[in-house]
Amino acid sequence: MRVRQAEPPAALLRALDALPGGRAAFEALSRAERYSILHPLITAPSPQTFEARLRRALERLAARPDPPPVH
């Protein structure tokens, strides 16, 4: 499956909804940045690896500065 065509895993979407501003932060990512989030999740060889990668992805999103306001 190509990451460009991949739907975000349900666990990622649930986690983004639970993270304040998480969904907005994910949607604001460029295609390359989304790839850097989705590819490790989609290719995780085990549920444990998926969970670890999901935690790291959420930490990265939470650490991003707020996007600049659109005028």
Foldseek 3Di string as FASTA:
>chain_A
DDLVPDDADPVLVVVLVVDVCSVVLQVPDDPVLVCVLRVQLVPPPDPVSNVVSSVVNSVVSVPDDDDDDDD
